[in-house]
Protein backbone atom coordinates (compact mmCIF):
# COMPACT_ATOMS: atom_id res chain seq x y z
CA MET A 1 60.97 -2.61 120.98
CA ARG A 2 61.99 1.00 121.54
CA TRP A 3 65.03 0.58 119.28
CA ILE A 4 62.76 -0.53 116.42
CA ARG A 5 60.70 2.65 116.73
CA ARG A 6 63.87 4.72 116.84
CA ALA A 7 65.27 2.96 113.80
CA GLY A 8 61.97 3.48 111.98
CA ARG A 9 62.01 7.20 112.79
CA ALA A 10 65.62 7.47 111.64
CA LEU A 11 64.82 5.76 108.36
CA ALA A 12 61.81 8.00 107.86
CA TRP A 13 63.92 11.12 108.47
CA ALA A 14 66.61 9.83 106.08
CA ALA A 15 64.03 9.07 103.40
CA GLY A 16 62.44 12.48 103.85
CA TYR A 17 65.81 14.19 103.64
CA ALA A 18 66.71 12.27 100.48
CA LEU A 19 63.36 13.15 98.88
CA ALA A 20 63.84 16.80 99.79
CA LEU A 21 67.28 16.83 98.18
CA LEU A 22 65.88 15.14 95.08
CA GLY A 23 63.10 17.72 94.94
CA LEU A 24 65.58 20.59 95.19
CA PHE A 25 67.73 19.05 92.46
CA LEU A 26 64.75 18.58 90.12
CA ALA A 27 63.56 22.12 90.79
CA HIS A 28 67.04 23.48 90.08
CA ALA A 29 67.31 21.43 86.89
CA TRP A 30 63.84 22.57 85.75
CA ALA A 31 64.69 26.21 86.44
CA GLY A 32 67.70 25.88 84.17
CA LEU A 33 65.39 25.25 81.23
CA GLN A 34 63.38 28.42 81.75
CA THR A 35 66.01 30.90 80.59
CA GLU A 36 68.02 30.92 77.38
CA PRO A 37 71.80 30.68 77.89
CA TRP A 38 73.56 33.87 76.87
CA SER A 39 76.93 32.31 75.96
CA GLY A 40 77.47 31.59 72.30
CA GLY A 41 79.43 28.72 70.89
CA THR A 42 83.02 28.69 69.67
CA THR A 43 84.82 28.14 66.39
CA VAL A 44 87.17 25.48 67.80
CA ASN A 45 85.23 22.23 67.46
CA ALA A 46 85.83 18.56 66.70
CA LEU A 47 84.10 15.74 64.86
CA TRP A 48 84.46 11.96 65.13
CA ALA A 49 84.39 10.57 61.55
CA ARG A 50 83.65 7.10 60.21
CA HIS A 51 86.26 4.50 59.31
CA GLN A 52 85.35 4.41 55.61
CA TRP A 53 87.22 7.67 55.00
CA VAL A 54 90.47 5.90 55.89
CA GLY A 55 89.63 2.41 54.70
CA GLU A 56 87.88 2.97 51.35
CA PRO A 57 88.50 5.13 48.24
CA HIS A 58 86.36 8.20 47.58
CA THR A 59 85.82 10.57 44.69
CA GLU A 60 87.19 14.09 44.54
CA GLN A 61 83.61 15.35 44.76
CA GLU A 62 83.10 13.44 48.02
CA TYR A 63 86.26 14.94 49.51
CA ARG A 64 85.18 18.42 48.48
CA ALA A 65 81.74 17.90 50.00
CA LEU A 66 83.32 16.78 53.28
CA ALA A 67 85.65 19.79 53.29
CA ASP A 68 82.70 22.12 52.67
CA LEU A 69 80.77 20.56 55.54
CA LEU A 70 83.73 21.05 57.89
CA ARG A 71 84.17 24.68 56.89
CA ARG A 72 80.47 25.56 57.19
CA ASN A 73 80.32 24.07 60.66
CA ARG A 74 83.59 25.52 61.97
CA ILE A 75 85.17 22.12 62.59
CA THR A 76 88.87 22.51 63.34
CA ASP A 77 89.75 18.89 64.23
CA VAL A 78 88.50 15.64 62.71
CA PHE A 79 89.16 12.31 64.40
CA PHE A 80 89.11 9.87 61.46
CA HIS A 81 88.60 6.35 62.78
CA ALA A 82 91.72 4.45 61.69
CA GLY A 83 91.81 1.42 63.99
CA PRO A 84 90.92 -0.36 66.07
CA PHE A 85 94.15 -1.71 67.53
CA GLU A 86 94.76 -5.43 67.47
CA ALA A 87 95.58 -7.08 70.80
CA ASP A 88 99.31 -6.54 70.23
CA GLY A 89 98.91 -2.79 69.55
CA SER A 90 99.13 -2.98 65.76
CA VAL A 91 96.63 -2.03 63.03
CA PRO A 92 96.60 -4.16 59.85
CA PRO A 93 97.52 -2.03 56.79
CA ALA A 94 94.39 -3.16 54.94
CA LYS A 95 92.31 -1.21 57.44
CA TYR A 96 93.86 2.12 56.43
CA ALA A 97 94.52 1.53 52.74
CA ASN A 98 93.09 4.93 51.78
CA ALA A 99 94.71 6.95 54.58
CA ARG A 100 97.34 8.78 52.54
CA ARG A 101 94.82 9.80 49.88
CA LEU A 102 92.49 11.13 52.57
CA VAL A 103 95.26 13.23 54.11
CA GLU A 104 96.22 14.65 50.72
CA ALA A 105 92.61 15.49 49.90
CA MET A 106 92.07 17.25 53.23
CA ARG A 107 95.22 19.29 52.74
CA ALA A 108 93.97 20.36 49.34
CA HIS A 109 90.34 21.06 50.18
CA ALA A 110 90.31 21.78 53.93
CA PRO A 111 93.78 23.15 54.76
CA GLY A 112 92.61 24.71 58.03
CA VAL A 113 91.33 21.42 59.45
CA ARG A 114 93.59 19.21 61.56
CA VAL A 115 93.39 15.57 60.43
CA GLN A 116 93.89 13.12 63.31
CA ALA A 117 94.10 9.33 63.41
CA TYR A 118 91.41 8.04 65.80
CA LEU A 119 92.82 4.88 67.41
CA GLY A 120 91.53 2.83 70.31
CA GLN A 121 90.30 -0.46 71.64
CA ILE A 122 88.72 -2.10 74.70
CA ARG A 123 91.39 -1.91 77.36
CA LYS A 124 92.02 -5.15 79.28
CA VAL A 125 91.11 -4.69 82.95
CA ASP A 126 91.08 -7.49 85.54
CA GLY A 127 91.21 -10.10 82.78
CA HIS A 128 88.42 -8.57 80.68
CA GLY A 129 89.05 -6.74 77.40
CA LEU A 130 91.47 -7.00 74.49
CA VAL A 131 94.47 -4.64 74.67
CA ASP A 132 96.70 -5.07 77.72
CA LEU A 133 98.27 -1.65 78.20
CA ASP A 134 99.98 -2.93 81.35
CA ASP A 135 102.30 -4.87 79.02
CA PRO A 136 105.26 -2.65 78.02
CA ALA A 137 105.57 -4.53 74.72
CA VAL A 138 101.98 -3.63 73.80
CA ARG A 139 102.55 0.04 74.64
CA ALA A 140 105.71 0.00 72.52
CA ARG A 141 103.79 -1.51 69.58
CA VAL A 142 101.08 1.14 69.95
CA LEU A 143 103.78 3.79 69.58
CA GLU A 144 105.11 2.05 66.46
CA THR A 145 101.59 2.16 65.02
CA ASP A 146 101.33 5.86 65.86
CA ARG A 147 104.54 6.48 63.91
CA ILE A 148 103.02 4.82 60.86
CA PHE A 149 100.05 7.18 60.88
CA LEU A 150 102.22 10.24 61.46
CA ASP A 151 104.39 9.13 58.53
CA LEU A 152 101.22 9.00 56.41
CA GLY A 153 100.68 12.69 57.17
CA PHE A 154 98.17 12.68 60.02
CA GLU A 155 98.55 15.79 62.17
CA GLY A 156 97.52 14.17 65.41
CA ILE A 157 96.90 10.94 67.30
CA HIS A 158 93.50 10.64 68.99
CA TYR A 159 93.26 7.88 71.60
CA ASP A 160 90.02 6.26 72.71
CA PHE A 161 90.89 3.40 75.05
CA GLU A 162 88.00 2.30 77.23
CA PRO A 163 87.56 1.69 80.10
CA ILE A 164 90.16 3.89 81.79
CA TYR A 165 90.04 3.90 85.59
CA PRO A 166 91.60 6.61 87.78
CA ASP A 167 94.41 4.35 88.98
CA ASP A 168 95.58 3.52 85.44
CA ARG A 169 99.29 4.37 85.48
CA ALA A 170 100.05 2.44 82.28
CA PHE A 171 97.71 4.71 80.33
CA LEU A 172 99.46 7.79 81.73
CA ASP A 173 102.82 6.29 80.73
CA LEU A 174 101.51 5.73 77.20
CA LEU A 175 100.26 9.33 77.04
CA GLY A 176 103.62 10.71 78.12
CA ARG A 177 105.52 8.69 75.54
CA THR A 178 103.00 9.49 72.81
CA ARG A 179 103.19 13.20 73.58
CA ASP A 180 106.98 13.07 73.17
CA LEU A 181 106.46 11.41 69.79
CA THR A 182 103.77 13.78 68.52
CA ARG A 183 105.64 16.88 69.63
CA SER A 184 108.78 15.68 67.87
CA ARG A 185 106.70 15.50 64.68
CA GLY A 186 104.87 18.83 65.14
CA ALA A 187 101.60 16.94 65.70
CA VAL A 188 99.10 16.88 68.56
CA LEU A 189 97.93 14.25 71.01
CA SER A 190 94.24 14.19 71.84
CA VAL A 191 92.41 11.88 74.21
CA ALA A 192 88.76 10.85 74.55
CA ILE A 193 87.88 10.13 78.16
CA GLU A 194 84.74 9.68 80.22
CA GLN A 195 83.09 12.52 82.12
CA LEU A 196 84.22 13.34 85.65
CA THR A 197 83.00 11.25 88.55
CA LEU A 198 80.43 13.16 90.60
CA VAL A 199 82.02 12.22 93.93
CA ASP A 200 85.73 11.37 93.99
CA ARG A 201 85.50 9.93 97.51
CA ALA A 202 83.17 7.18 96.29
CA GLN A 203 86.02 5.54 94.36
CA PRO A 204 87.23 3.28 97.22
CA ILE A 205 83.65 2.00 97.66
CA TYR A 206 83.38 1.21 93.96
CA ARG A 207 86.72 -0.60 94.00
CA ALA A 208 85.77 -2.64 97.05
CA PHE A 209 82.33 -3.83 95.96
CA ILE A 210 81.93 -3.55 92.16
CA PRO A 211 83.94 -5.51 89.57
CA ARG A 212 85.80 -3.70 86.82
CA GLY A 213 85.98 -4.27 83.08
CA TRP A 214 83.45 -4.06 80.24
CA ASN A 215 82.77 -7.76 79.75
CA GLN A 216 80.57 -7.86 82.82
CA SER A 217 76.93 -6.85 83.10
CA VAL A 218 77.63 -4.77 86.21
CA HIS A 219 80.92 -2.90 86.44
CA TYR A 220 82.56 -0.06 88.30
CA PRO A 221 81.99 3.11 86.20
CA PRO A 222 85.29 4.12 84.53
CA ARG A 223 85.20 7.85 85.26
CA PRO A 224 88.25 9.97 86.07
CA THR A 225 88.70 11.69 89.40
CA ARG A 226 89.68 15.35 89.33
CA ASP A 227 93.30 14.55 90.02
CA TYR A 228 93.42 11.93 87.26
CA LEU A 229 91.79 14.22 84.70
CA ARG A 230 94.32 16.93 85.51
CA ARG A 231 97.12 14.43 84.92
CA VAL A 232 95.61 13.39 81.58
CA ALA A 233 95.25 17.05 80.60
CA ASP A 234 98.88 17.79 81.43
CA LEU A 235 99.99 14.97 79.13
CA SER A 236 97.69 15.88 76.20
CA ASP A 237 97.16 18.74 73.78
CA GLN A 238 93.41 18.12 73.61
CA VAL A 239 90.91 16.32 75.82
CA ALA A 240 87.51 15.28 74.46
CA ILE A 241 85.00 14.52 77.21
CA MET A 242 82.50 11.77 76.34
CA THR A 243 79.65 13.61 78.04
CA TYR A 244 76.94 11.89 76.01
CA ASP A 245 74.85 8.74 76.62
CA VAL A 246 73.78 10.00 80.05
CA SER A 247 70.62 7.85 80.49
CA LEU A 248 68.70 10.54 82.38
CA PRO A 249 64.91 10.54 81.90
CA THR A 250 64.06 14.25 81.53
CA LYS A 251 65.31 17.14 79.40
CA ALA A 252 65.88 19.23 82.52
CA MET A 253 68.18 16.60 84.00
CA VAL A 254 70.08 16.19 80.72
CA ASN A 255 70.47 19.95 80.46
CA TRP A 256 71.82 20.05 84.02
CA HIS A 257 74.21 17.16 83.27
CA PHE A 258 75.86 18.89 80.32
CA ALA A 259 75.97 22.23 82.14
CA TRP A 260 77.54 20.78 85.28
CA HIS A 261 80.20 18.79 83.44
CA THR A 262 81.06 21.70 81.16
CA GLU A 263 81.52 24.08 84.08
CA GLN A 264 83.45 21.60 86.24
CA THR A 265 85.69 20.35 83.43
CA LEU A 266 86.63 23.81 82.15
CA ARG A 267 87.30 25.07 85.67
CA LEU A 268 89.54 22.06 86.24
CA ILE A 269 91.53 21.76 83.00
CA GLY A 270 90.45 24.63 80.74
CA ASP A 271 93.67 26.52 81.48
CA ARG A 272 95.80 23.40 80.85
CA THR A 273 94.66 22.01 77.50
CA THR A 274 92.12 22.37 74.69
CA VAL A 275 88.78 20.85 75.74
CA PHE A 276 85.98 19.46 73.57
CA MET A 277 82.71 18.62 75.32
CA GLY A 278 81.16 15.66 73.48
CA VAL A 279 77.59 16.12 72.22
CA PRO A 280 75.45 13.41 70.54
CA THR A 281 73.69 13.22 67.20
CA TYR A 282 72.93 9.49 67.46
CA ARG A 283 69.83 8.14 69.23
CA PRO A 284 70.84 7.39 72.84
CA LEU A 285 68.98 5.10 75.21
CA MET A 286 66.64 7.85 76.47
CA ASP A 287 66.38 9.83 73.24
CA TRP A 288 63.21 11.63 74.32
CA ALA A 289 65.37 13.56 76.81
CA GLU A 290 68.94 13.52 75.43
CA ASP A 291 69.48 15.06 72.01
CA LEU A 292 71.77 17.53 70.29
CA PRO A 293 69.79 20.72 71.12
CA MET A 294 69.57 19.82 74.81
CA ALA A 295 73.28 18.95 74.95
CA LEU A 296 74.30 22.22 73.28
CA ARG A 297 72.02 24.20 75.54
CA GLY A 298 73.58 22.52 78.58
CA VAL A 299 77.12 23.25 77.37
CA ARG A 300 76.20 26.92 76.91
CA ARG A 301 74.71 27.03 80.41
CA GLY A 302 77.96 25.62 81.74
CA LEU A 303 79.85 28.40 79.97
CA ASP A 304 77.48 30.94 81.53
CA ALA A 305 78.51 29.71 85.00
CA LEU A 306 82.22 30.42 84.48
CA ASP A 307 83.79 33.53 85.99
CA ARG A 308 85.97 33.93 82.89
CA PRO A 309 86.72 32.04 79.69
CA PRO A 310 89.38 29.31 79.93
CA ALA A 311 92.89 30.27 78.90
CA MET A 312 93.02 27.47 76.31
CA PRO A 313 90.68 26.95 73.34
CA PHE A 314 87.47 25.03 73.95
CA GLY A 315 84.41 23.87 72.04
CA VAL A 316 82.27 20.81 71.39
CA GLY A 317 83.01 17.44 69.85
CA VAL A 318 80.18 16.13 67.64
CA TYR A 319 79.60 12.39 67.94
CA ALA A 320 79.41 11.39 65.22
CA GLU A 321 79.78 12.26 61.54
CA TRP A 322 78.01 9.06 60.45
CA THR A 323 74.89 9.85 62.53
CA THR A 324 74.65 13.60 61.79
CA ASP A 325 72.19 14.55 59.04
CA ALA A 326 71.52 17.92 57.39
CA GLY A 327 68.90 18.78 59.99
CA ASP A 328 71.33 18.10 62.84
CA TRP A 329 73.96 20.33 61.25
CA ALA A 330 71.43 23.11 60.75
CA ARG A 331 70.44 22.91 64.41
CA TYR A 332 74.09 22.84 65.46
CA ARG A 333 74.77 26.04 63.50
CA ALA A 334 71.68 27.74 64.90
CA ASP A 335 72.30 26.72 68.53
CA TRP A 336 76.09 26.74 68.71
CA LEU A 337 77.48 29.02 66.00
CA THR A 338 74.98 31.80 66.72
CA GLY A 339 76.44 35.14 65.78
CA ARG A 340 79.61 33.55 64.45
CA GLU A 341 78.78 32.76 60.85
């Protein structure tokens, strides 16, 4: 029975070690809340906007009010939801019936704001999902759809295909071909992608034991490795990190989450492309811990940890226009645009 006692001692030591590490992490996260970040925000920021702006008519007064909101909050890029893609990569014209009028109104009332077509869909993975990007014909049709929106006057294409796994070569091919298209039109390509994986080396374990695709209750988390995120950055003009919806139970842990991802992401790709760190104004699963002030504080802490500012522009991406009220915008200005208004 000696081996049982030895195994018991080993398990006890392992449990004690794990608890000690957890204690150190919680203490570190708590300490991060005790001091105010010194970094201010930036004036290069993005906003995800609702589909109605593209799909429905609006009054001149409504366009002016939107333009005023964008100016007051230093929003440089707006991702106007214009899709989603159909399974074949198209978007029915009825879904974007008001697109040209929107573009004209933004040019008139918010000439400094880049208007982008926000297009995406659930990517088919292992038989689950809708759009099969592995099919060259689908990728070609996506590019045809992009051309339609660029012809309407949009100044950028913003992709949000989910889930994207770090072995997704078809997505990289689509990015490369889309970048060639947007650059030929003097437009930009931006991409929304999940936050970095915490441990790249865990990917083979995930692939071996956890199914992929979003139609399953348990699935392999679709987060990019460092190498994959660098490749996405090199094929894009802007990368928006979907840092939100973290499902962590305390403010200290949420603060640490946003700080860590901001620091790691900007160190990794901040010299390669413009980066927007996504922050939430909706009510996430654990809304007592995750909110806009805590996210902005975490982003600023991440900036504090950098040795120098990134070579490329960076800021936050507010998700989303349809969940952000006047109080949220006031807090955003106070916490992020401090000293810049």
